[in-house]
Amino acid sequence: MQVGKVVGRAISTVKHKSFQGVKLLLVQALDGKGQPDGDPVLTVDTLGAGPGMRVLISSDGKGAREVVGSKDSPVRWLTIGVLDE
């Protein structure tokens, strides 16, 4: 699990079938000092997070695949919490 900041939404007309109807966010992981840590990642969001919000993300691909309902999905990252400011 990692803390991150939502930096945008992903919208695509061509995508894997498991992403149909799924909200995708671009999240920048943050280090312990709140600074960017690596490249932003694409996460599945079912919590209603939006740009500028701090979130908790997980790279548990199995859990993310359960959320999208497909064992064959290429999804890896999942938004699992929205942090209070």
PDB file of N, CA and C in Angstrom:
ATOM      1  N   MET A   1       0.843  -1.175   0.000  1.00  0.00           N
ATOM      2  CA  MET A   1       0.000   0.000   0.000  1.00  0.00           C
ATOM      3  C   MET A   1       0.884   1.233   0.000  1.00  0.00           C
ATOM      4  N   GLN A   2       0.357   2.271  -0.608  1.00  0.00           N
ATOM      5  CA  GLN A   2       1.116   3.502  -0.735  1.00  0.00           C
ATOM      6  C   GLN A   2       0.159   4.688  -0.766  1.00  0.00           C
ATOM      7  N   VAL A   3       0.604   5.807  -0.222  1.00  0.00           N
ATOM      8  CA  VAL A   3      -0.169   7.044  -0.303  1.00  0.00           C
ATOM      9  C   VAL A   3       0.146   7.703  -1.635  1.00  0.00           C
ATOM     10  N   GLY A   4      -0.873   8.270  -2.268  1.00  0.00           N
ATOM     11  CA  GLY A   4      -0.671   8.954  -3.537  1.00  0.00           C
ATOM     12  C   GLY A   4      -1.615  10.130  -3.677  1.00  0.00           C
ATOM     13  N   LYS A   5      -1.392  10.913  -4.716  1.00  0.00           N
ATOM     14  CA  LYS A   5      -2.244  12.063  -5.016  1.00  0.00           C
ATOM     15  C   LYS A   5      -2.812  11.886  -6.412  1.00  0.00           C
ATOM     16  N   VAL A   6      -4.125  12.038  -6.534  1.00  0.00           N
ATOM     17  CA  VAL A   6      -4.773  11.911  -7.839  1.00  0.00           C
ATOM     18  C   VAL A   6      -4.368  13.114  -8.688  1.00  0.00           C
ATOM     19  N   VAL A   7      -3.763  12.829  -9.854  1.00  0.00           N
ATOM     20  CA  VAL A   7      -3.316  13.907 -10.741  1.00  0.00           C
ATOM     21  C   VAL A   7      -4.157  13.985 -12.012  1.00  0.00           C
ATOM     22  N   GLY A   8      -5.093  13.049 -12.189  1.00  0.00           N
ATOM     23  CA  GLY A   8      -5.959  13.109 -13.363  1.00  0.00           C
ATOM     24  C   GLY A   8      -6.818  11.873 -13.515  1.00  0.00           C
ATOM     25  N   ARG A   9      -7.659  11.900 -14.559  1.00  0.00           N
ATOM     26  CA  ARG A   9      -8.512  10.760 -14.916  1.00  0.00           C
ATOM     27  C   ARG A   9      -8.082  10.254 -16.272  1.00  0.00           C
ATOM     28  N   ALA A  10      -8.263   8.975 -16.494  1.00  0.00           N
ATOM     29  CA  ALA A  10      -7.952   8.388 -17.798  1.00  0.00           C
ATOM     30  C   ALA A  10      -9.258   8.092 -18.518  1.00  0.00           C
ATOM     31  N   ILE A  11      -9.355   8.566 -19.738  1.00  0.00           N
ATOM     32  CA  ILE A  11     -10.524   8.310 -20.577  1.00  0.00           C
ATOM     33  C   ILE A  11     -10.020   7.694 -21.868  1.00  0.00           C
ATOM     34  N   SER A  12     -10.621   6.574 -22.267  1.00  0.00           N
ATOM     35  CA  SER A  12     -10.147   5.864 -23.447  1.00  0.00           C
ATOM     36  C   SER A  12     -11.316   5.300 -24.240  1.00  0.00           C
ATOM     37  N   THR A  13     -11.229   5.404 -25.547  1.00  0.00           N
ATOM     38  CA  THR A  13     -12.261   4.810 -26.394  1.00  0.00           C
ATOM     39  C   THR A  13     -11.916   3.372 -26.750  1.00  0.00           C
ATOM     40  N   VAL A  14     -10.633   3.032 -26.656  1.00  0.00           N
ATOM     41  CA  VAL A  14     -10.182   1.664 -26.917  1.00  0.00           C
ATOM     42  C   VAL A  14      -9.472   1.176 -25.659  1.00  0.00           C
ATOM     43  N   LYS A  15      -9.986   0.092 -25.064  1.00  0.00           N
ATOM     44  CA  LYS A  15      -9.405  -0.425 -23.833  1.00  0.00           C
ATOM     45  C   LYS A  15      -9.742  -1.899 -23.673  1.00  0.00           C
ATOM     46  N   HIS A  16      -9.080  -2.541 -22.741  1.00  0.00           N
ATOM     47  CA  HIS A  16      -9.364  -3.938 -22.438  1.00  0.00           C
ATOM     48  C   HIS A  16     -10.822  -4.053 -21.997  1.00  0.00           C
ATOM     49  N   LYS A  17     -11.475  -5.128 -22.386  1.00  0.00           N
ATOM     50  CA  LYS A  17     -12.906  -5.296 -22.089  1.00  0.00           C
ATOM     51  C   LYS A  17     -13.216  -5.237 -20.590  1.00  0.00           C
ATOM     52  N   SER A  18     -12.264  -5.601 -19.742  1.00  0.00           N
ATOM     53  CA  SER A  18     -12.512  -5.569 -18.295  1.00  0.00           C
ATOM     54  C   SER A  18     -12.577  -4.145 -17.744  1.00  0.00           C
ATOM     55  N   PHE A  19     -12.149  -3.152 -18.531  1.00  0.00           N
ATOM     56  CA  PHE A  19     -12.190  -1.757 -18.092  1.00  0.00           C
ATOM     57  C   PHE A  19     -13.472  -1.038 -18.511  1.00  0.00           C
ATOM     58  N   GLN A  20     -14.365  -1.710 -19.210  1.00  0.00           N
ATOM     59  CA  GLN A  20     -15.624  -1.091 -19.626  1.00  0.00           C
ATOM     60  C   GLN A  20     -16.418  -0.669 -18.389  1.00  0.00           C
ATOM     61  N   GLY A  21     -16.768   0.611 -18.316  1.00  0.00           N
ATOM     62  CA  GLY A  21     -17.566   1.118 -17.206  1.00  0.00           C
ATOM     63  C   GLY A  21     -16.803   1.317 -15.911  1.00  0.00           C
ATOM     64  N   VAL A  22     -15.475   1.194 -15.945  1.00  0.00           N
ATOM     65  CA  VAL A  22     -14.654   1.332 -14.748  1.00  0.00           C
ATOM     66  C   VAL A  22     -13.987   2.705 -14.748  1.00  0.00           C
ATOM     67  N   LYS A  23     -14.015   3.389 -13.607  1.00  0.00           N
ATOM     68  CA  LYS A  23     -13.352   4.691 -13.487  1.00  0.00           C
ATOM     69  C   LYS A  23     -11.862   4.467 -13.258  1.00  0.00           C
ATOM     70  N   LEU A  24     -11.042   5.101 -14.091  1.00  0.00           N
ATOM     71  CA  LEU A  24      -9.591   4.976 -13.995  1.00  0.00           C
ATOM     72  C   LEU A  24      -8.983   6.320 -13.618  1.00  0.00           C
ATOM     73  N   LEU A  25      -8.090   6.293 -12.640  1.00  0.00           N
ATOM     74  CA  LEU A  25      -7.424   7.506 -12.178  1.00  0.00           C
ATOM     75  C   LEU A  25      -5.921   7.401 -12.396  1.00  0.00           C
ATOM     76  N   LEU A  26      -5.294   8.536 -12.636  1.00  0.00           N
ATOM     77  CA  LEU A  26      -3.844   8.628 -12.697  1.00  0.00           C
ATOM     78  C   LEU A  26      -3.398   9.137 -11.328  1.00  0.00           C
ATOM     79  N   VAL A  27      -2.608   8.315 -10.624  1.00  0.00           N
ATOM     80  CA  VAL A  27      -2.213   8.640  -9.254  1.00  0.00           C
ATOM     81  C   VAL A  27      -0.692   8.700  -9.149  1.00  0.00           C
ATOM     82  N   GLN A  28      -0.195   9.788  -8.563  1.00  0.00           N
ATOM     83  CA  GLN A  28       1.233   9.949  -8.307  1.00  0.00           C
ATOM     84  C   GLN A  28       1.519   9.453  -6.898  1.00  0.00           C
ATOM     85  N   ALA A  29       2.321   8.387  -6.776  1.00  0.00           N
ATOM     86  CA  ALA A  29       2.707   7.888  -5.457  1.00  0.00           C
ATOM     87  C   ALA A  29       3.565   8.939  -4.758  1.00  0.00           C
ATOM     88  N   LEU A  30       3.442   9.005  -3.424  1.00  0.00           N
ATOM     89  CA  LEU A  30       4.185   9.975  -2.626  1.00  0.00           C
ATOM     90  C   LEU A  30       5.062   9.258  -1.607  1.00  0.00           C
ATOM     91  N   ASP A  31       6.234   9.852  -1.318  1.00  0.00           N
ATOM     92  CA  ASP A  31       7.097   9.279  -0.292  1.00  0.00           C
ATOM     93  C   ASP A  31       6.641   9.769   1.084  1.00  0.00           C
ATOM     94  N   GLY A  32       7.380   9.432   2.121  1.00  0.00           N
ATOM     95  CA  GLY A  32       7.015   9.801   3.485  1.00  0.00           C
ATOM     96  C   GLY A  32       6.981  11.295   3.746  1.00  0.00           C
ATOM     97  N   LYS A  33       7.633  12.082   2.881  1.00  0.00           N
ATOM     98  CA  LYS A  33       7.651  13.537   3.032  1.00  0.00           C
ATOM     99  C   LYS A  33       6.633  14.221   2.125  1.00  0.00           C
ATOM    100  N   GLY A  34       5.828  13.416   1.422  1.00  0.00           N
ATOM    101  CA  GLY A  34       4.811  13.973   0.533  1.00  0.00           C
ATOM    102  C   GLY A  34       5.329  14.369  -0.833  1.00  0.00           C
ATOM    103  N   GLN A  35       6.542  13.924  -1.163  1.00  0.00           N
ATOM    104  CA  GLN A  35       7.143  14.233  -2.455  1.00  0.00           C
ATOM    105  C   GLN A  35       6.863  13.100  -3.447  1.00  0.00           C
ATOM    106  N   PRO A  36       6.803  13.401  -4.749  1.00  0.00           N
ATOM    107  CA  PRO A  36       6.564  12.359  -5.756  1.00  0.00           C
ATOM    108  C   PRO A  36       7.586  11.229  -5.648  1.00  0.00           C
ATOM    109  N   ASP A  37       7.103  10.005  -5.817  1.00  0.00           N
ATOM    110  CA  ASP A  37       7.940   8.813  -5.723  1.00  0.00           C
ATOM    111  C   ASP A  37       7.695   7.954  -6.956  1.00  0.00           C
ATOM    112  N   GLY A  38       8.539   8.095  -7.970  1.00  0.00           N
ATOM    113  CA  GLY A  38       8.384   7.320  -9.196  1.00  0.00           C
ATOM    114  C   GLY A  38       7.388   7.949 -10.148  1.00  0.00           C
ATOM    115  N   ASP A  39       7.001   7.164 -11.147  1.00  0.00           N
ATOM    116  CA  ASP A  39       6.054   7.612 -12.168  1.00  0.00           C
ATOM    117  C   ASP A  39       4.617   7.413 -11.690  1.00  0.00           C
ATOM    118  N   PRO A  40       3.676   8.231 -12.172  1.00  0.00           N
ATOM    119  CA  PRO A  40       2.262   8.014 -11.839  1.00  0.00           C
ATOM    120  C   PRO A  40       1.789   6.645 -12.333  1.00  0.00           C
ATOM    121  N   VAL A  41       0.790   6.092 -11.651  1.00  0.00           N
ATOM    122  CA  VAL A  41       0.226   4.792 -12.024  1.00  0.00           C
ATOM    123  C   VAL A  41      -1.263   4.944 -12.313  1.00  0.00           C
ATOM    124  N   LEU A  42      -1.794   4.023 -13.093  1.00  0.00           N
ATOM    125  CA  LEU A  42      -3.214   3.991 -13.426  1.00  0.00           C
ATOM    126  C   LEU A  42      -3.911   3.093 -12.415  1.00  0.00           C
ATOM    127  N   THR A  43      -4.920   3.623 -11.721  1.00  0.00           N
ATOM    128  CA  THR A  43      -5.626   2.843 -10.711  1.00  0.00           C
ATOM    129  C   THR A  43      -7.113   2.741 -11.038  1.00  0.00           C
ATOM    130  N   VAL A  44      -7.708   1.648 -10.602  1.00  0.00           N
ATOM    131  CA  VAL A  44      -9.159   1.480 -10.676  1.00  0.00           C
ATOM    132  C   VAL A  44      -9.739   2.147  -9.433  1.00  0.00           C
ATOM    133  N   ASP A  45     -10.769   2.970  -9.601  1.00  0.00           N
ATOM    134  CA  ASP A  45     -11.370   3.684  -8.476  1.00  0.00           C
ATOM    135  C   ASP A  45     -12.857   3.379  -8.378  1.00  0.00           C
ATOM    136  N   THR A  46     -13.270   2.902  -7.209  1.00  0.00           N
ATOM    137  CA  THR A  46     -14.695   2.680  -6.947  1.00  0.00           C
ATOM    138  C   THR A  46     -15.171   3.564  -5.799  1.00  0.00           C
ATOM    139  N   LEU A  47     -14.297   4.469  -5.335  1.00  0.00           N
ATOM    140  CA  LEU A  47     -14.595   5.273  -4.151  1.00  0.00           C
ATOM    141  C   LEU A  47     -15.026   6.699  -4.458  1.00  0.00           C
ATOM    142  N   GLY A  48     -14.907   7.119  -5.707  1.00  0.00           N
ATOM    143  CA  GLY A  48     -15.292   8.473  -6.070  1.00  0.00           C
ATOM    144  C   GLY A  48     -14.213   9.517  -5.836  1.00  0.00           C
ATOM    145  N   ALA A  49     -12.949   9.100  -5.823  1.00  0.00           N
ATOM    146  CA  ALA A  49     -11.848  10.053  -5.653  1.00  0.00           C
ATOM    147  C   ALA A  49     -11.738  10.934  -6.890  1.00  0.00           C
ATOM    148  N   GLY A  50     -11.153  12.114  -6.697  1.00  0.00           N
ATOM    149  CA  GLY A  50     -11.004  13.044  -7.812  1.00  0.00           C
ATOM    150  C   GLY A  50      -9.670  13.756  -7.766  1.00  0.00           C
ATOM    151  N   PRO A  51      -9.374  14.547  -8.795  1.00  0.00           N
ATOM    152  CA  PRO A  51      -8.103  15.257  -8.885  1.00  0.00           C
ATOM    153  C   PRO A  51      -7.792  16.076  -7.629  1.00  0.00           C
ATOM    154  N   GLY A  52      -6.541  15.977  -7.194  1.00  0.00           N
ATOM    155  CA  GLY A  52      -6.077  16.711  -6.024  1.00  0.00           C
ATOM    156  C   GLY A  52      -6.255  15.975  -4.710  1.00  0.00           C
ATOM    157  N   MET A  53      -7.049  14.914  -4.696  1.00  0.00           N
ATOM    158  CA  MET A  53      -7.300  14.175  -3.454  1.00  0.00           C
ATOM    159  C   MET A  53      -6.143  13.229  -3.155  1.00  0.00           C
ATOM    160  N   ARG A  54      -5.878  13.059  -1.850  1.00  0.00           N
ATOM    161  CA  ARG A  54      -4.882  12.070  -1.426  1.00  0.00           C
ATOM    162  C   ARG A  54      -5.599  10.747  -1.205  1.00  0.00           C
ATOM    163  N   VAL A  55      -4.999   9.673  -1.724  1.00  0.00           N
ATOM    164  CA  VAL A  55      -5.628   8.358  -1.670  1.00  0.00           C
ATOM    165  C   VAL A  55      -4.619   7.310  -1.225  1.00  0.00           C
ATOM    166  N   LEU A  56      -5.134   6.171  -0.828  1.00  0.00           N
ATOM    167  CA  LEU A  56      -4.324   5.006  -0.518  1.00  0.00           C
ATOM    168  C   LEU A  56      -4.499   4.044  -1.676  1.00  0.00           C
ATOM    169  N   ILE A  57      -3.367   3.587  -2.250  1.00  0.00           N
ATOM    170  CA  ILE A  57      -3.430   2.681  -3.396  1.00  0.00           C
ATOM    171  C   ILE A  57      -2.717   1.374  -3.069  1.00  0.00           C
ATOM    172  N   SER A  58      -3.138   0.320  -3.737  1.00  0.00           N
ATOM    173  CA  SER A  58      -2.552  -1.000  -3.543  1.00  0.00           C
ATOM    174  C   SER A  58      -2.203  -1.606  -4.894  1.00  0.00           C
ATOM    175  N   SER A  59      -1.068  -2.306  -4.933  1.00  0.00           N
ATOM    176  CA  SER A  59      -0.659  -2.977  -6.171  1.00  0.00           C
ATOM    177  C   SER A  59      -1.054  -4.448  -6.167  1.00  0.00           C
ATOM    178  N   ASP A  60      -2.046  -4.799  -5.368  1.00  0.00           N
ATOM    179  CA  ASP A  60      -2.548  -6.174  -5.312  1.00  0.00           C
ATOM    180  C   ASP A  60      -3.386  -6.451  -6.555  1.00  0.00           C
ATOM    181  N   GLY A  61      -2.742  -6.978  -7.586  1.00  0.00           N
ATOM    182  CA  GLY A  61      -3.428  -7.235  -8.848  1.00  0.00           C
ATOM    183  C   GLY A  61      -4.613  -8.172  -8.702  1.00  0.00           C
ATOM    184  N   LYS A  62      -4.501  -9.169  -7.822  1.00  0.00           N
ATOM    185  CA  LYS A  62      -5.604 -10.117  -7.640  1.00  0.00           C
ATOM    186  C   LYS A  62      -6.849  -9.407  -7.108  1.00  0.00           C
ATOM    187  N   GLY A  63      -6.662  -8.548  -6.112  1.00  0.00           N
ATOM    188  CA  GLY A  63      -7.790  -7.788  -5.569  1.00  0.00           C
ATOM    189  C   GLY A  63      -8.398  -6.862  -6.607  1.00  0.00           C
ATOM    190  N   ALA A  64      -7.537  -6.228  -7.403  1.00  0.00           N
ATOM    191  CA  ALA A  64      -8.020  -5.321  -8.450  1.00  0.00           C
ATOM    192  C   ALA A  64      -8.804  -6.092  -9.505  1.00  0.00           C
ATOM    193  N   ARG A  65      -8.338  -7.289  -9.854  1.00  0.00           N
ATOM    194  CA  ARG A  65      -9.061  -8.106 -10.844  1.00  0.00           C
ATOM    195  C   ARG A  65     -10.423  -8.538 -10.311  1.00  0.00           C
ATOM    196  N   GLU A  66     -10.520  -8.778  -9.010  1.00  0.00           N
ATOM    197  CA  GLU A  66     -11.820  -9.111  -8.418  1.00  0.00           C
ATOM    198  C   GLU A  66     -12.785  -7.932  -8.540  1.00  0.00           C
ATOM    199  N   VAL A  67     -12.281  -6.722  -8.357  1.00  0.00           N
ATOM    200  CA  VAL A  67     -13.124  -5.526  -8.449  1.00  0.00           C
ATOM    201  C   VAL A  67     -13.676  -5.356  -9.859  1.00  0.00           C
ATOM    202  N   VAL A  68     -12.845  -5.587 -10.887  1.00  0.00           N
ATOM    203  CA  VAL A  68     -13.319  -5.424 -12.267  1.00  0.00           C
ATOM    204  C   VAL A  68     -14.032  -6.676 -12.768  1.00  0.00           C
ATOM    205  N   GLY A  69     -13.985  -7.758 -11.991  1.00  0.00           N
ATOM    206  CA  GLY A  69     -14.725  -8.967 -12.342  1.00  0.00           C
ATOM    207  C   GLY A  69     -14.142  -9.776 -13.478  1.00  0.00           C
ATOM    208  N   SER A  70     -12.800  -9.766 -13.607  1.00  0.00           N
ATOM    209  CA  SER A  70     -12.163 -10.514 -14.692  1.00  0.00           C
ATOM    210  C   SER A  70     -10.813 -11.062 -14.244  1.00  0.00           C
ATOM    211  N   LYS A  71     -10.657 -12.371 -14.321  1.00  0.00           N
ATOM    212  CA  LYS A  71      -9.382 -12.997 -13.975  1.00  0.00           C
ATOM    213  C   LYS A  71      -8.307 -12.710 -15.015  1.00  0.00           C
ATOM    214  N   ASP A  72      -8.710 -12.295 -16.204  1.00  0.00           N
ATOM    215  CA  ASP A  72      -7.772 -12.040 -17.299  1.00  0.00           C
ATOM    216  C   ASP A  72      -7.426 -10.565 -17.458  1.00  0.00           C
ATOM    217  N   SER A  73      -7.900  -9.719 -16.577  1.00  0.00           N
ATOM    218  CA  SER A  73      -7.679  -8.277 -16.703  1.00  0.00           C
ATOM    219  C   SER A  73      -6.209  -7.922 -16.464  1.00  0.00           C
ATOM    220  N   PRO A  74      -5.681  -6.941 -17.211  1.00  0.00           N
ATOM    221  CA  PRO A  74      -4.309  -6.493 -16.991  1.00  0.00           C
ATOM    222  C   PRO A  74      -4.182  -5.493 -15.835  1.00  0.00           C
ATOM    223  N   VAL A  75      -5.256  -5.259 -15.102  1.00  0.00           N
ATOM    224  CA  VAL A  75      -5.247  -4.278 -14.020  1.00  0.00           C
ATOM    225  C   VAL A  75      -4.295  -4.707 -12.904  1.00  0.00           C
ATOM    226  N   ARG A  76      -3.620  -3.728 -12.311  1.00  0.00           N
ATOM    227  CA  ARG A  76      -2.726  -4.016 -11.196  1.00  0.00           C
ATOM    228  C   ARG A  76      -3.016  -3.137  -9.984  1.00  0.00           C
ATOM    229  N   TRP A  77      -3.284  -1.846 -10.195  1.00  0.00           N
ATOM    230  CA  TRP A  77      -3.432  -0.898  -9.093  1.00  0.00           C
ATOM    231  C   TRP A  77      -4.901  -0.620  -8.783  1.00  0.00           C
ATOM    232  N   LEU A  78      -5.189  -0.437  -7.490  1.00  0.00           N
ATOM    233  CA  LEU A  78      -6.549  -0.206  -7.017  1.00  0.00           C
ATOM    234  C   LEU A  78      -6.535   0.899  -5.958  1.00  0.00           C
ATOM    235  N   THR A  79      -7.458   1.839  -6.061  1.00  0.00           N
ATOM    236  CA  THR A  79      -7.627   2.859  -5.023  1.00  0.00           C
ATOM    237  C   THR A  79      -8.432   2.218  -3.901  1.00  0.00           C
ATOM    238  N   ILE A  80      -7.836   2.139  -2.696  1.00  0.00           N
ATOM    239  CA  ILE A  80      -8.510   1.437  -1.604  1.00  0.00           C
ATOM    240  C   ILE A  80      -8.938   2.356  -0.461  1.00  0.00           C
ATOM    241  N   GLY A  81      -8.597   3.641  -0.554  1.00  0.00           N
ATOM    242  CA  GLY A  81      -9.006   4.571   0.490  1.00  0.00           C
ATOM    243  C   GLY A  81      -8.813   6.013   0.066  1.00  0.00           C
ATOM    244  N   VAL A  82      -9.634   6.890   0.628  1.00  0.00           N
ATOM    245  CA  VAL A  82      -9.492   8.331   0.425  1.00  0.00           C
ATOM    246  C   VAL A  82      -9.078   8.903   1.773  1.00  0.00           C
ATOM    247  N   LEU A  83      -7.970   9.644   1.793  1.00  0.00           N
ATOM    248  CA  LEU A  83      -7.421  10.160   3.041  1.00  0.00           C
ATOM    249  C   LEU A  83      -7.985  11.536   3.370  1.00  0.00           C
ATOM    250  N   ASP A  84      -8.277  11.748   4.646  1.00  0.00           N
ATOM    251  CA  ASP A  84      -8.708  13.070   5.108  1.00  0.00           C
ATOM    252  C   ASP A  84      -7.529  14.019   5.022  1.00  0.00           C
ATOM    253  N   GLU A  85      -7.827  15.267   4.754  1.00  0.00           N
ATOM    254  CA  GLU A  85      -6.750  16.269   4.653  1.00  0.00           C
ATOM    255  C   GLU A  85      -6.320  16.724   5.998  1.00  0.00           C
TER     256      GLU A  85
END
